[in-house]
N, C-alpha and C. Protein backbone atom coordinates (compact mmCIF):
# COMPACT_ATOMS: atom_id res chain seq x y z
N MET A 1 -138.15 -9.19 -102.53
CA MET A 1 -137.28 -8.05 -102.96
C MET A 1 -135.84 -8.49 -102.60
N ILE A 2 -135.58 -8.98 -101.52
CA ILE A 2 -134.26 -9.34 -101.05
C ILE A 2 -133.77 -10.61 -101.97
N GLU A 3 -134.63 -11.53 -102.35
CA GLU A 3 -134.11 -12.57 -103.37
C GLU A 3 -133.76 -11.97 -104.73
N GLN A 4 -134.45 -10.97 -105.16
CA GLN A 4 -134.09 -10.40 -106.31
C GLN A 4 -132.86 -9.71 -106.49
N ILE A 5 -132.61 -8.96 -105.44
CA ILE A 5 -131.38 -8.19 -105.27
C ILE A 5 -130.12 -8.99 -105.03
N THR A 6 -130.33 -9.95 -104.21
CA THR A 6 -129.20 -10.86 -103.72
C THR A 6 -128.67 -11.87 -104.73
N GLY A 7 -129.24 -11.85 -105.89
CA GLY A 7 -128.95 -12.71 -106.94
C GLY A 7 -127.50 -12.48 -107.43
N THR A 8 -127.27 -12.75 -108.71
CA THR A 8 -125.90 -12.72 -109.46
C THR A 8 -125.55 -11.21 -109.39
N GLY A 9 -124.35 -10.91 -109.06
CA GLY A 9 -123.75 -9.64 -109.21
C GLY A 9 -123.98 -8.62 -108.03
N ILE A 10 -124.59 -9.19 -106.92
CA ILE A 10 -124.94 -8.31 -105.84
C ILE A 10 -123.62 -7.93 -105.11
N GLU A 11 -122.71 -8.71 -105.06
CA GLU A 11 -121.49 -8.57 -104.40
C GLU A 11 -120.70 -7.34 -105.19
N GLU A 12 -120.80 -7.41 -106.38
CA GLU A 12 -120.02 -6.40 -107.23
C GLU A 12 -120.83 -5.11 -106.96
N VAL A 13 -122.06 -5.06 -106.98
CA VAL A 13 -122.80 -3.84 -106.82
C VAL A 13 -122.55 -3.24 -105.35
N ARG A 14 -122.48 -4.09 -104.42
CA ARG A 14 -122.23 -3.83 -103.04
C ARG A 14 -120.95 -3.09 -102.87
N LYS A 15 -119.83 -3.63 -103.43
CA LYS A 15 -118.52 -3.15 -103.31
C LYS A 15 -118.43 -1.89 -104.05
N HIS A 16 -119.21 -1.55 -105.05
CA HIS A 16 -119.15 -0.42 -105.82
C HIS A 16 -120.37 0.57 -105.68
N SER A 17 -121.08 0.27 -104.62
CA SER A 17 -122.45 1.05 -104.53
C SER A 17 -122.05 2.52 -104.58
N THR A 18 -121.01 2.98 -103.97
CA THR A 18 -120.71 4.50 -103.96
C THR A 18 -120.48 4.93 -105.44
N TRP A 19 -119.91 4.17 -106.24
CA TRP A 19 -119.63 4.54 -107.63
C TRP A 19 -120.95 4.63 -108.34
N PHE A 20 -121.87 3.56 -108.13
CA PHE A 20 -123.22 3.62 -108.68
C PHE A 20 -123.94 4.95 -108.43
N LEU A 21 -123.76 5.26 -107.01
CA LEU A 21 -124.45 6.39 -106.67
C LEU A 21 -124.04 7.68 -107.28
N VAL A 22 -122.63 7.90 -107.24
CA VAL A 22 -121.97 8.96 -107.92
C VAL A 22 -122.21 9.02 -109.39
N MET A 23 -122.19 7.91 -110.08
CA MET A 23 -122.60 7.94 -111.46
C MET A 23 -123.96 8.38 -111.68
N GLY A 24 -124.84 7.82 -110.89
CA GLY A 24 -126.25 8.19 -111.24
C GLY A 24 -126.53 9.63 -110.96
N VAL A 25 -125.88 10.24 -109.78
CA VAL A 25 -126.04 11.55 -109.57
C VAL A 25 -125.48 12.44 -110.78
N ALA A 26 -124.32 12.02 -111.27
CA ALA A 26 -123.72 12.70 -112.28
C ALA A 26 -124.47 12.66 -113.60
N LEU A 27 -125.14 11.45 -113.90
CA LEU A 27 -126.11 11.43 -115.17
C LEU A 27 -127.33 12.36 -114.91
N ILE A 28 -127.76 12.38 -113.74
CA ILE A 28 -129.08 13.26 -113.61
C ILE A 28 -128.54 14.79 -113.81
N VAL A 29 -127.40 15.04 -113.19
CA VAL A 29 -127.04 16.46 -113.56
C VAL A 29 -126.77 16.74 -114.92
N ILE A 30 -126.03 15.87 -115.59
CA ILE A 30 -125.83 15.99 -117.14
C ILE A 30 -127.09 16.03 -117.73
N GLY A 31 -128.02 15.09 -117.47
CA GLY A 31 -129.32 15.21 -118.11
C GLY A 31 -130.12 16.40 -117.95
N CYS A 32 -129.97 16.90 -116.76
CA CYS A 32 -130.66 18.33 -116.48
C CYS A 32 -130.02 19.50 -117.42
N ILE A 33 -128.67 19.36 -117.38
CA ILE A 33 -128.04 20.45 -118.34
C ILE A 33 -128.40 20.15 -119.63
N ALA A 34 -128.54 18.85 -120.22
CA ALA A 34 -128.93 18.61 -121.60
C ALA A 34 -130.30 19.25 -121.76
N ILE A 35 -131.25 19.04 -120.98
CA ILE A 35 -132.60 19.43 -121.10
C ILE A 35 -132.56 21.02 -121.07
N GLY A 36 -131.74 21.64 -120.20
CA GLY A 36 -131.65 23.17 -120.14
C GLY A 36 -131.06 23.63 -121.38
N SER A 37 -130.11 23.00 -122.01
CA SER A 37 -129.57 23.34 -123.23
C SER A 37 -129.81 22.39 -124.44
N ALA A 38 -131.09 22.17 -124.69
CA ALA A 38 -131.49 21.07 -125.69
C ALA A 38 -131.02 21.27 -126.93
N VAL A 39 -130.87 22.53 -127.48
CA VAL A 39 -130.38 22.85 -128.76
C VAL A 39 -129.02 22.33 -128.90
N VAL A 40 -128.15 22.82 -127.90
CA VAL A 40 -126.70 22.35 -127.92
C VAL A 40 -126.58 21.00 -127.95
N ALA A 41 -127.43 20.32 -126.98
CA ALA A 41 -127.24 18.89 -126.77
C ALA A 41 -127.74 18.10 -128.13
N THR A 42 -128.67 18.70 -128.72
CA THR A 42 -128.96 18.21 -130.02
C THR A 42 -127.91 18.14 -131.00
N ILE A 43 -127.23 19.31 -131.19
CA ILE A 43 -126.22 19.58 -132.03
C ILE A 43 -125.04 18.57 -131.69
N ILE A 44 -124.63 18.56 -130.45
CA ILE A 44 -123.66 17.61 -129.91
C ILE A 44 -123.95 16.30 -130.28
N SER A 45 -125.09 15.74 -130.15
CA SER A 45 -125.63 14.43 -130.34
C SER A 45 -125.39 14.12 -131.92
N MET A 46 -125.81 15.12 -132.77
CA MET A 46 -125.75 14.92 -134.25
C MET A 46 -124.23 14.81 -134.65
N LEU A 47 -123.42 15.59 -134.03
CA LEU A 47 -122.05 15.67 -134.26
C LEU A 47 -121.35 14.20 -133.91
N PHE A 48 -121.77 13.78 -132.83
CA PHE A 48 -121.35 12.40 -132.26
C PHE A 48 -121.84 11.36 -133.30
N LEU A 49 -123.09 11.51 -133.73
CA LEU A 49 -123.61 10.49 -134.65
C LEU A 49 -122.88 10.47 -135.98
N GLY A 50 -122.60 11.73 -136.40
CA GLY A 50 -121.85 11.75 -137.71
C GLY A 50 -120.53 11.07 -137.65
N TRP A 51 -119.75 11.29 -136.54
CA TRP A 51 -118.40 10.83 -136.41
C TRP A 51 -118.57 9.30 -136.25
N LEU A 52 -119.53 8.70 -135.52
CA LEU A 52 -119.88 7.25 -135.33
C LEU A 52 -120.08 6.68 -136.78
N LEU A 53 -120.94 7.31 -137.61
CA LEU A 53 -121.19 6.89 -138.95
C LEU A 53 -119.97 6.87 -139.76
N ILE A 54 -119.03 7.91 -139.65
CA ILE A 54 -117.87 7.92 -140.45
C ILE A 54 -116.91 6.82 -140.11
N ILE A 55 -116.70 6.65 -138.62
CA ILE A 55 -115.84 5.63 -138.17
C ILE A 55 -116.35 4.28 -138.66
N GLY A 56 -117.64 4.05 -138.49
CA GLY A 56 -118.20 2.72 -138.88
C GLY A 56 -117.94 2.44 -140.30
N GLY A 57 -118.29 3.55 -141.06
CA GLY A 57 -118.02 3.40 -142.60
C GLY A 57 -116.49 3.09 -142.97
N LEU A 58 -115.61 3.71 -142.27
CA LEU A 58 -114.28 3.28 -142.51
C LEU A 58 -113.85 1.77 -142.16
N PHE A 59 -114.40 1.51 -141.10
CA PHE A 59 -114.16 0.01 -140.73
C PHE A 59 -114.75 -0.88 -141.60
N GLN A 60 -116.05 -0.56 -142.27
CA GLN A 60 -116.57 -1.45 -143.27
C GLN A 60 -115.71 -1.55 -144.59
N ILE A 61 -115.23 -0.35 -144.90
CA ILE A 61 -114.33 -0.20 -146.12
C ILE A 61 -113.03 -1.04 -145.88
N ILE A 62 -112.54 -0.83 -144.74
CA ILE A 62 -111.25 -1.65 -144.49
C ILE A 62 -111.45 -3.15 -144.55
N HIS A 63 -112.58 -3.37 -143.84
CA HIS A 63 -112.99 -4.95 -143.78
C HIS A 63 -113.23 -5.33 -145.21
N GLY A 64 -113.90 -4.63 -146.08
CA GLY A 64 -114.06 -5.02 -147.40
C GLY A 64 -112.81 -5.19 -148.20
N PHE A 65 -111.88 -4.27 -148.06
CA PHE A 65 -110.54 -4.51 -148.75
C PHE A 65 -109.73 -5.54 -148.23
N ALA A 66 -109.84 -5.78 -146.92
CA ALA A 66 -109.01 -6.82 -146.26
C ALA A 66 -109.62 -8.41 -146.84
N ARG A 67 -110.90 -8.34 -147.14
CA ARG A 67 -111.54 -9.55 -147.46
C ARG A 67 -111.91 -9.46 -149.07
N ARG A 68 -111.05 -8.99 -149.93
CA ARG A 68 -111.31 -8.72 -151.21
C ARG A 68 -111.84 -9.95 -152.03
N ARG A 69 -111.35 -11.00 -151.73
CA ARG A 69 -111.79 -12.25 -152.31
C ARG A 69 -113.05 -12.80 -151.97
N TRP A 70 -113.64 -12.30 -150.91
CA TRP A 70 -114.86 -12.64 -150.47
C TRP A 70 -115.94 -12.13 -151.35
N SER A 71 -117.03 -12.88 -151.58
CA SER A 71 -118.09 -12.50 -152.43
C SER A 71 -118.88 -11.18 -151.97
N GLY A 72 -118.71 -10.97 -150.66
CA GLY A 72 -119.41 -9.82 -150.09
C GLY A 72 -118.62 -8.56 -150.11
N PHE A 73 -117.43 -8.52 -150.84
CA PHE A 73 -116.62 -7.34 -150.92
C PHE A 73 -117.32 -6.14 -151.40
N PHE A 74 -118.05 -6.10 -152.45
CA PHE A 74 -118.74 -4.98 -152.80
C PHE A 74 -119.88 -4.47 -151.80
N ILE A 75 -120.43 -5.35 -151.20
CA ILE A 75 -121.53 -5.05 -150.20
C ILE A 75 -120.82 -4.23 -148.94
N ASN A 76 -119.76 -4.84 -148.57
CA ASN A 76 -119.04 -4.13 -147.42
C ASN A 76 -118.52 -2.81 -147.98
N LEU A 77 -117.99 -2.70 -149.17
CA LEU A 77 -117.45 -1.48 -149.72
C LEU A 77 -118.57 -0.45 -149.79
N LEU A 78 -119.75 -0.88 -150.47
CA LEU A 78 -120.85 0.11 -150.56
C LEU A 78 -121.31 0.40 -149.26
N GLU A 79 -121.57 -0.53 -148.48
CA GLU A 79 -122.15 -0.10 -147.05
C GLU A 79 -121.22 0.91 -146.31
N GLY A 80 -119.87 0.52 -146.38
CA GLY A 80 -118.97 1.50 -145.72
C GLY A 80 -119.00 2.99 -146.36
N VAL A 81 -119.10 2.94 -147.73
CA VAL A 81 -119.13 4.31 -148.33
C VAL A 81 -120.47 4.97 -147.94
N LEU A 82 -121.58 4.38 -147.98
CA LEU A 82 -122.88 4.82 -147.52
C LEU A 82 -122.83 5.37 -146.08
N TYR A 83 -122.23 4.61 -145.24
CA TYR A 83 -122.10 5.13 -143.72
C TYR A 83 -121.13 6.38 -143.76
N ALA A 84 -120.06 6.38 -144.41
CA ALA A 84 -119.23 7.54 -144.33
C ALA A 84 -119.76 8.73 -144.90
N VAL A 85 -120.48 8.55 -146.06
CA VAL A 85 -121.20 9.73 -146.73
C VAL A 85 -122.23 10.20 -145.69
N ALA A 86 -123.03 9.40 -145.20
CA ALA A 86 -124.15 9.85 -144.27
C ALA A 86 -123.47 10.53 -143.00
N GLY A 87 -122.39 10.07 -142.62
CA GLY A 87 -121.71 10.67 -141.42
C GLY A 87 -121.17 11.97 -141.90
N PHE A 88 -120.68 12.15 -143.00
CA PHE A 88 -120.08 13.42 -143.62
C PHE A 88 -121.38 14.41 -143.78
N ILE A 89 -122.53 13.99 -144.35
CA ILE A 89 -123.70 14.86 -144.40
C ILE A 89 -124.09 15.34 -143.01
N VAL A 90 -124.08 14.40 -142.09
CA VAL A 90 -124.58 14.86 -140.76
C VAL A 90 -123.50 15.88 -140.17
N LEU A 91 -122.30 15.72 -140.31
CA LEU A 91 -121.23 16.64 -139.74
C LEU A 91 -121.29 17.93 -140.40
N VAL A 92 -121.47 17.88 -141.70
CA VAL A 92 -121.60 19.16 -142.48
C VAL A 92 -122.83 20.16 -142.14
N ASN A 93 -123.90 19.42 -141.83
CA ASN A 93 -125.08 20.32 -141.49
C ASN A 93 -125.91 19.38 -140.28
N PRO A 94 -125.40 19.53 -139.07
CA PRO A 94 -126.04 18.73 -138.05
C PRO A 94 -127.44 19.37 -137.72
N GLY A 95 -127.76 20.66 -137.96
CA GLY A 95 -129.08 21.13 -137.75
C GLY A 95 -130.13 20.52 -138.69
N LEU A 96 -129.74 20.44 -139.97
CA LEU A 96 -130.65 19.75 -140.84
C LEU A 96 -130.84 18.29 -140.55
N ALA A 97 -129.69 17.65 -140.19
CA ALA A 97 -129.87 16.21 -139.91
C ALA A 97 -130.67 16.00 -138.68
N ALA A 98 -130.73 16.80 -137.64
CA ALA A 98 -131.59 16.73 -136.46
C ALA A 98 -132.88 17.01 -136.76
N ILE A 99 -133.26 18.08 -137.81
CA ILE A 99 -134.55 18.26 -138.08
C ILE A 99 -135.03 17.02 -138.84
N THR A 100 -134.40 16.45 -139.77
CA THR A 100 -134.79 15.24 -140.52
C THR A 100 -134.99 14.23 -139.59
N LEU A 101 -134.16 13.91 -138.69
CA LEU A 101 -134.30 12.79 -137.71
C LEU A 101 -135.52 13.08 -136.91
N THR A 102 -135.79 14.20 -136.51
CA THR A 102 -136.94 14.56 -135.54
C THR A 102 -138.22 14.21 -136.35
N LEU A 103 -138.35 14.53 -137.63
CA LEU A 103 -139.46 14.31 -138.36
C LEU A 103 -139.66 12.59 -138.34
N LEU A 104 -138.62 12.01 -138.45
CA LEU A 104 -138.68 10.48 -138.47
C LEU A 104 -139.26 9.92 -137.22
N ILE A 105 -138.68 10.59 -135.96
CA ILE A 105 -139.21 10.33 -134.74
C ILE A 105 -140.71 10.62 -134.49
N ALA A 106 -141.12 11.65 -135.00
CA ALA A 106 -142.58 12.03 -134.85
C ALA A 106 -143.39 11.01 -135.65
N MET A 107 -142.98 10.65 -136.80
CA MET A 107 -143.67 9.61 -137.49
C MET A 107 -143.77 8.27 -136.85
N LEU A 108 -142.55 7.94 -136.23
CA LEU A 108 -142.45 6.69 -135.46
C LEU A 108 -143.49 6.70 -134.14
N PHE A 109 -143.50 7.82 -133.62
CA PHE A 109 -144.47 7.91 -132.46
C PHE A 109 -145.80 7.82 -132.83
N LEU A 110 -146.05 8.42 -134.07
CA LEU A 110 -147.51 8.32 -134.46
C LEU A 110 -147.88 6.95 -134.98
N ALA A 111 -146.99 6.24 -135.59
CA ALA A 111 -147.28 4.87 -136.23
C ALA A 111 -147.22 3.92 -134.92
N SER A 112 -146.45 4.09 -134.05
CA SER A 112 -146.52 3.06 -132.96
C SER A 112 -147.74 3.43 -132.03
N GLY A 113 -148.06 4.63 -131.90
CA GLY A 113 -149.27 4.93 -131.11
C GLY A 113 -150.49 4.30 -131.76
N VAL A 114 -150.68 4.45 -133.04
CA VAL A 114 -151.99 3.92 -133.69
C VAL A 114 -151.80 2.37 -133.56
N PHE A 115 -150.66 1.74 -133.76
CA PHE A 115 -150.56 0.41 -133.76
C PHE A 115 -150.87 -0.18 -132.32
N ARG A 116 -150.37 0.53 -131.32
CA ARG A 116 -150.69 0.16 -129.88
C ARG A 116 -152.10 0.25 -129.63
N LEU A 117 -152.78 1.36 -130.09
CA LEU A 117 -154.27 1.37 -129.85
C LEU A 117 -155.00 0.28 -130.58
N ALA A 118 -154.58 0.05 -131.74
CA ALA A 118 -155.27 -0.90 -132.46
C ALA A 118 -155.16 -2.37 -131.92
N ILE A 119 -154.03 -2.66 -131.31
CA ILE A 119 -153.73 -3.89 -130.68
C ILE A 119 -154.62 -3.86 -129.29
N ALA A 120 -154.58 -2.77 -128.57
CA ALA A 120 -155.25 -2.63 -127.34
C ALA A 120 -156.80 -2.83 -127.57
N PHE A 121 -157.42 -2.28 -128.53
CA PHE A 121 -158.81 -2.54 -128.82
C PHE A 121 -159.29 -3.76 -129.49
N SER A 122 -158.20 -4.45 -130.07
CA SER A 122 -158.68 -5.68 -130.92
C SER A 122 -158.35 -6.91 -130.31
N THR A 123 -157.46 -6.90 -129.24
CA THR A 123 -156.94 -8.09 -128.65
C THR A 123 -157.28 -7.89 -127.07
N PRO A 124 -157.68 -8.98 -126.54
CA PRO A 124 -157.98 -9.01 -125.16
C PRO A 124 -156.66 -9.01 -124.40
N LEU A 125 -156.27 -8.04 -123.75
CA LEU A 125 -154.93 -7.82 -122.95
C LEU A 125 -155.24 -7.54 -121.58
N HIS A 126 -154.30 -8.02 -120.71
CA HIS A 126 -154.29 -7.61 -119.33
C HIS A 126 -153.82 -6.16 -119.32
N HIS A 127 -154.27 -5.37 -118.39
CA HIS A 127 -153.92 -3.97 -118.33
C HIS A 127 -154.12 -3.19 -119.65
N ARG A 128 -155.37 -3.46 -120.18
CA ARG A 128 -155.60 -2.81 -121.55
C ARG A 128 -155.47 -1.23 -121.38
N GLY A 129 -155.96 -0.80 -120.17
CA GLY A 129 -155.90 0.71 -119.99
C GLY A 129 -154.45 1.29 -120.14
N TRP A 130 -153.39 0.58 -119.51
CA TRP A 130 -152.11 0.97 -119.82
C TRP A 130 -151.60 0.92 -121.28
N HIS A 131 -152.08 0.09 -121.96
CA HIS A 131 -151.78 -0.10 -123.58
C HIS A 131 -152.52 1.04 -124.10
N ILE A 132 -153.70 1.40 -123.86
CA ILE A 132 -154.37 2.53 -124.43
C ILE A 132 -153.70 3.81 -124.10
N PHE A 133 -153.32 3.95 -122.77
CA PHE A 133 -152.65 5.20 -122.42
C PHE A 133 -151.25 5.22 -123.15
N ASN A 134 -150.51 4.19 -123.19
CA ASN A 134 -149.13 4.20 -123.97
C ASN A 134 -149.40 4.66 -125.45
N GLY A 135 -150.49 4.04 -126.10
CA GLY A 135 -150.74 4.37 -127.41
C GLY A 135 -151.04 5.90 -127.65
N ALA A 136 -152.06 6.33 -126.76
CA ALA A 136 -152.51 7.74 -126.83
C ALA A 136 -151.27 8.70 -126.49
N LEU A 137 -150.46 8.34 -125.67
CA LEU A 137 -149.35 9.22 -125.30
C LEU A 137 -148.30 9.30 -126.31
N SER A 138 -148.04 8.20 -127.03
CA SER A 138 -147.23 8.14 -128.33
C SER A 138 -147.85 8.99 -129.29
N ILE A 139 -149.14 8.96 -129.61
CA ILE A 139 -149.77 9.75 -130.56
C ILE A 139 -149.68 11.30 -130.34
N VAL A 140 -149.91 11.59 -129.02
CA VAL A 140 -149.73 12.89 -128.50
C VAL A 140 -148.39 13.40 -128.72
N LEU A 141 -147.29 12.73 -128.40
CA LEU A 141 -145.98 13.13 -128.50
C LEU A 141 -145.56 13.34 -130.03
N GLY A 142 -146.07 12.39 -130.76
CA GLY A 142 -145.79 12.52 -132.27
C GLY A 142 -146.40 13.80 -132.85
N LEU A 143 -147.73 13.90 -132.62
CA LEU A 143 -148.46 15.12 -132.98
C LEU A 143 -147.86 16.46 -132.51
N SER A 144 -147.33 16.52 -131.30
CA SER A 144 -146.72 17.74 -130.58
C SER A 144 -145.38 18.01 -131.40
N ILE A 145 -144.62 17.02 -131.67
CA ILE A 145 -143.30 17.19 -132.32
C ILE A 145 -143.54 17.62 -133.76
N TRP A 146 -144.59 16.94 -134.38
CA TRP A 146 -144.82 17.28 -135.80
C TRP A 146 -145.46 18.69 -135.99
N ALA A 147 -146.30 19.12 -134.99
CA ALA A 147 -146.86 20.41 -135.09
C ALA A 147 -145.92 21.55 -135.01
N SER A 148 -144.93 21.38 -134.18
CA SER A 148 -143.88 22.37 -134.25
C SER A 148 -142.65 22.28 -135.04
N TRP A 149 -142.79 21.26 -135.94
CA TRP A 149 -141.55 20.85 -136.76
C TRP A 149 -141.54 21.98 -137.96
N PRO A 150 -140.37 22.38 -138.37
CA PRO A 150 -139.13 21.93 -138.25
C PRO A 150 -138.44 22.59 -136.94
N LEU A 151 -139.04 23.48 -136.29
CA LEU A 151 -138.25 23.98 -135.13
C LEU A 151 -138.00 22.95 -134.03
N SER A 152 -139.01 22.03 -133.97
CA SER A 152 -138.77 20.91 -132.82
C SER A 152 -137.55 20.08 -133.14
N GLY A 153 -137.18 20.14 -134.29
CA GLY A 153 -135.84 19.42 -134.74
C GLY A 153 -134.66 19.93 -134.06
N LEU A 154 -134.66 21.09 -133.57
CA LEU A 154 -133.48 21.73 -132.91
C LEU A 154 -133.43 21.38 -131.45
N TRP A 155 -134.47 20.91 -130.87
CA TRP A 155 -134.50 20.68 -129.45
C TRP A 155 -134.94 19.21 -128.97
N VAL A 156 -135.64 18.58 -129.86
CA VAL A 156 -136.36 17.31 -129.43
C VAL A 156 -135.18 16.28 -129.05
N ILE A 157 -134.28 16.17 -129.84
CA ILE A 157 -133.30 14.95 -129.63
C ILE A 157 -132.49 15.41 -128.33
N GLY A 158 -132.01 16.67 -128.04
CA GLY A 158 -131.42 17.01 -126.86
C GLY A 158 -132.26 16.84 -125.66
N LEU A 159 -133.56 17.01 -125.69
CA LEU A 159 -134.50 16.89 -124.66
C LEU A 159 -134.53 15.35 -124.28
N PHE A 160 -134.73 14.52 -125.45
CA PHE A 160 -134.90 13.15 -125.23
C PHE A 160 -133.63 12.60 -124.57
N VAL A 161 -132.43 12.99 -125.10
CA VAL A 161 -131.18 12.48 -124.48
C VAL A 161 -131.03 12.89 -123.09
N GLY A 162 -131.49 14.11 -122.70
CA GLY A 162 -131.52 14.64 -121.25
C GLY A 162 -132.42 13.72 -120.39
N ILE A 163 -133.69 13.55 -121.01
CA ILE A 163 -134.53 12.73 -120.14
C ILE A 163 -134.15 11.28 -119.99
N ASP A 164 -133.45 10.68 -120.96
CA ASP A 164 -132.88 9.36 -120.85
C ASP A 164 -131.80 9.35 -119.82
N MET A 165 -130.97 10.36 -119.91
CA MET A 165 -129.88 10.39 -118.86
C MET A 165 -130.42 10.47 -117.46
N ILE A 166 -131.40 11.35 -117.21
CA ILE A 166 -131.92 11.51 -115.93
C ILE A 166 -132.48 10.16 -115.45
N PHE A 167 -133.31 9.48 -116.35
CA PHE A 167 -133.90 8.20 -115.80
C PHE A 167 -132.81 7.16 -115.63
N ASP A 168 -131.79 7.26 -116.54
CA ASP A 168 -130.72 6.15 -116.26
C ASP A 168 -129.93 6.48 -115.00
N GLY A 169 -129.58 7.72 -114.67
CA GLY A 169 -129.01 8.12 -113.53
C GLY A 169 -129.90 7.86 -112.27
N TRP A 170 -131.22 7.95 -112.35
CA TRP A 170 -132.09 7.67 -111.24
C TRP A 170 -132.24 6.20 -111.02
N THR A 171 -132.11 5.34 -112.17
CA THR A 171 -131.99 3.96 -111.87
C THR A 171 -130.68 3.45 -111.13
N GLU A 172 -129.57 4.11 -111.49
CA GLU A 172 -128.38 3.79 -110.94
C GLU A 172 -128.31 4.23 -109.32
N VAL A 173 -128.78 5.44 -109.13
CA VAL A 173 -129.06 5.90 -107.73
C VAL A 173 -129.93 4.91 -106.95
N MET A 174 -131.20 4.58 -107.53
CA MET A 174 -132.11 3.71 -106.85
C MET A 174 -131.35 2.28 -106.50
N LEU A 175 -130.54 1.69 -107.49
CA LEU A 175 -129.92 0.43 -107.35
C LEU A 175 -128.90 0.56 -106.12
N ALA A 176 -128.16 1.60 -106.22
CA ALA A 176 -127.19 1.70 -105.02
C ALA A 176 -127.88 1.86 -103.72
N LEU A 177 -128.91 2.66 -103.60
CA LEU A 177 -129.66 2.86 -102.36
C LEU A 177 -130.26 1.50 -101.98
N ALA A 178 -130.96 0.77 -102.95
CA ALA A 178 -131.63 -0.49 -102.67
C ALA A 178 -130.59 -1.53 -102.20
N VAL A 179 -129.49 -1.66 -102.63
CA VAL A 179 -128.50 -2.71 -102.25
C VAL A 179 -128.08 -2.34 -100.83
N ARG A 180 -127.90 -0.99 -100.53
CA ARG A 180 -127.38 -0.64 -99.31
C ARG A 180 -128.50 -0.88 -98.13
N ARG A 181 -129.71 -0.71 -98.56
CA ARG A 181 -130.87 -0.86 -97.75
C ARG A 181 -130.99 -2.41 -97.43
N VAL A 182 -130.91 -3.17 -98.49
CA VAL A 182 -131.11 -4.57 -98.32
C VAL A 182 -130.06 -5.19 -97.36
N LEU A 183 -128.74 -4.74 -97.74
CA LEU A 183 -127.67 -5.31 -97.00
C LEU A 183 -127.81 -4.84 -95.51
N GLU A 184 -128.25 -3.65 -95.18
CA GLU A 184 -128.29 -3.34 -93.86
C GLU A 184 -129.52 -4.11 -93.20
N ALA A 185 -130.43 -4.50 -93.93
CA ALA A 185 -131.56 -5.34 -93.29
C ALA A 185 -131.26 -6.86 -93.04
N VAL A 186 -130.29 -7.35 -93.89
CA VAL A 186 -129.94 -8.84 -93.89
C VAL A 186 -128.92 -8.94 -92.79
N PRO A 187 -129.31 -9.89 -91.82
CA PRO A 187 -128.27 -10.27 -90.73
C PRO A 187 -126.97 -10.80 -91.37
N ALA A 188 -125.75 -10.47 -90.82
CA ALA A 188 -124.57 -11.02 -91.36
C ALA A 188 -124.40 -12.39 -91.23
């Protein structure tokens, strides 16, 4: 354990372990708020996505016009317009965008779950049980999202963002605490 943590960057983490801890706790709190207000978090996520698409599209269009003589001019221009239009559609109706995206997420879970199960049963793998569990869990998540769709579209994305923030925050907290614990155990 000490060899893993005392590698590259340990000094940086040690110097700023309090910041890692504070940031981790903040992410956990924000993640809990996102889960508690999953609909609001979903809409905010969609608005953020819409603006990112518009900004990305504008950069593509500017890049295309700046490189007019390049053979990829029309590809950049078309890609930029598509990004911007998609972003505008998301901004105009974030609820519908969330519902549509949630259906795609449900399909992704179902397809990946079936694929994982097929691989787990057809290929000799170590820890086959975990692969089967992972595939089955993906299918259950996909079916549960799909079963309550389109209503699930209003809360699933916010819930997932909240869960991700909590795990990200927990990772930061554990890193800060592990570095402190290791440094206390290592003689100076």
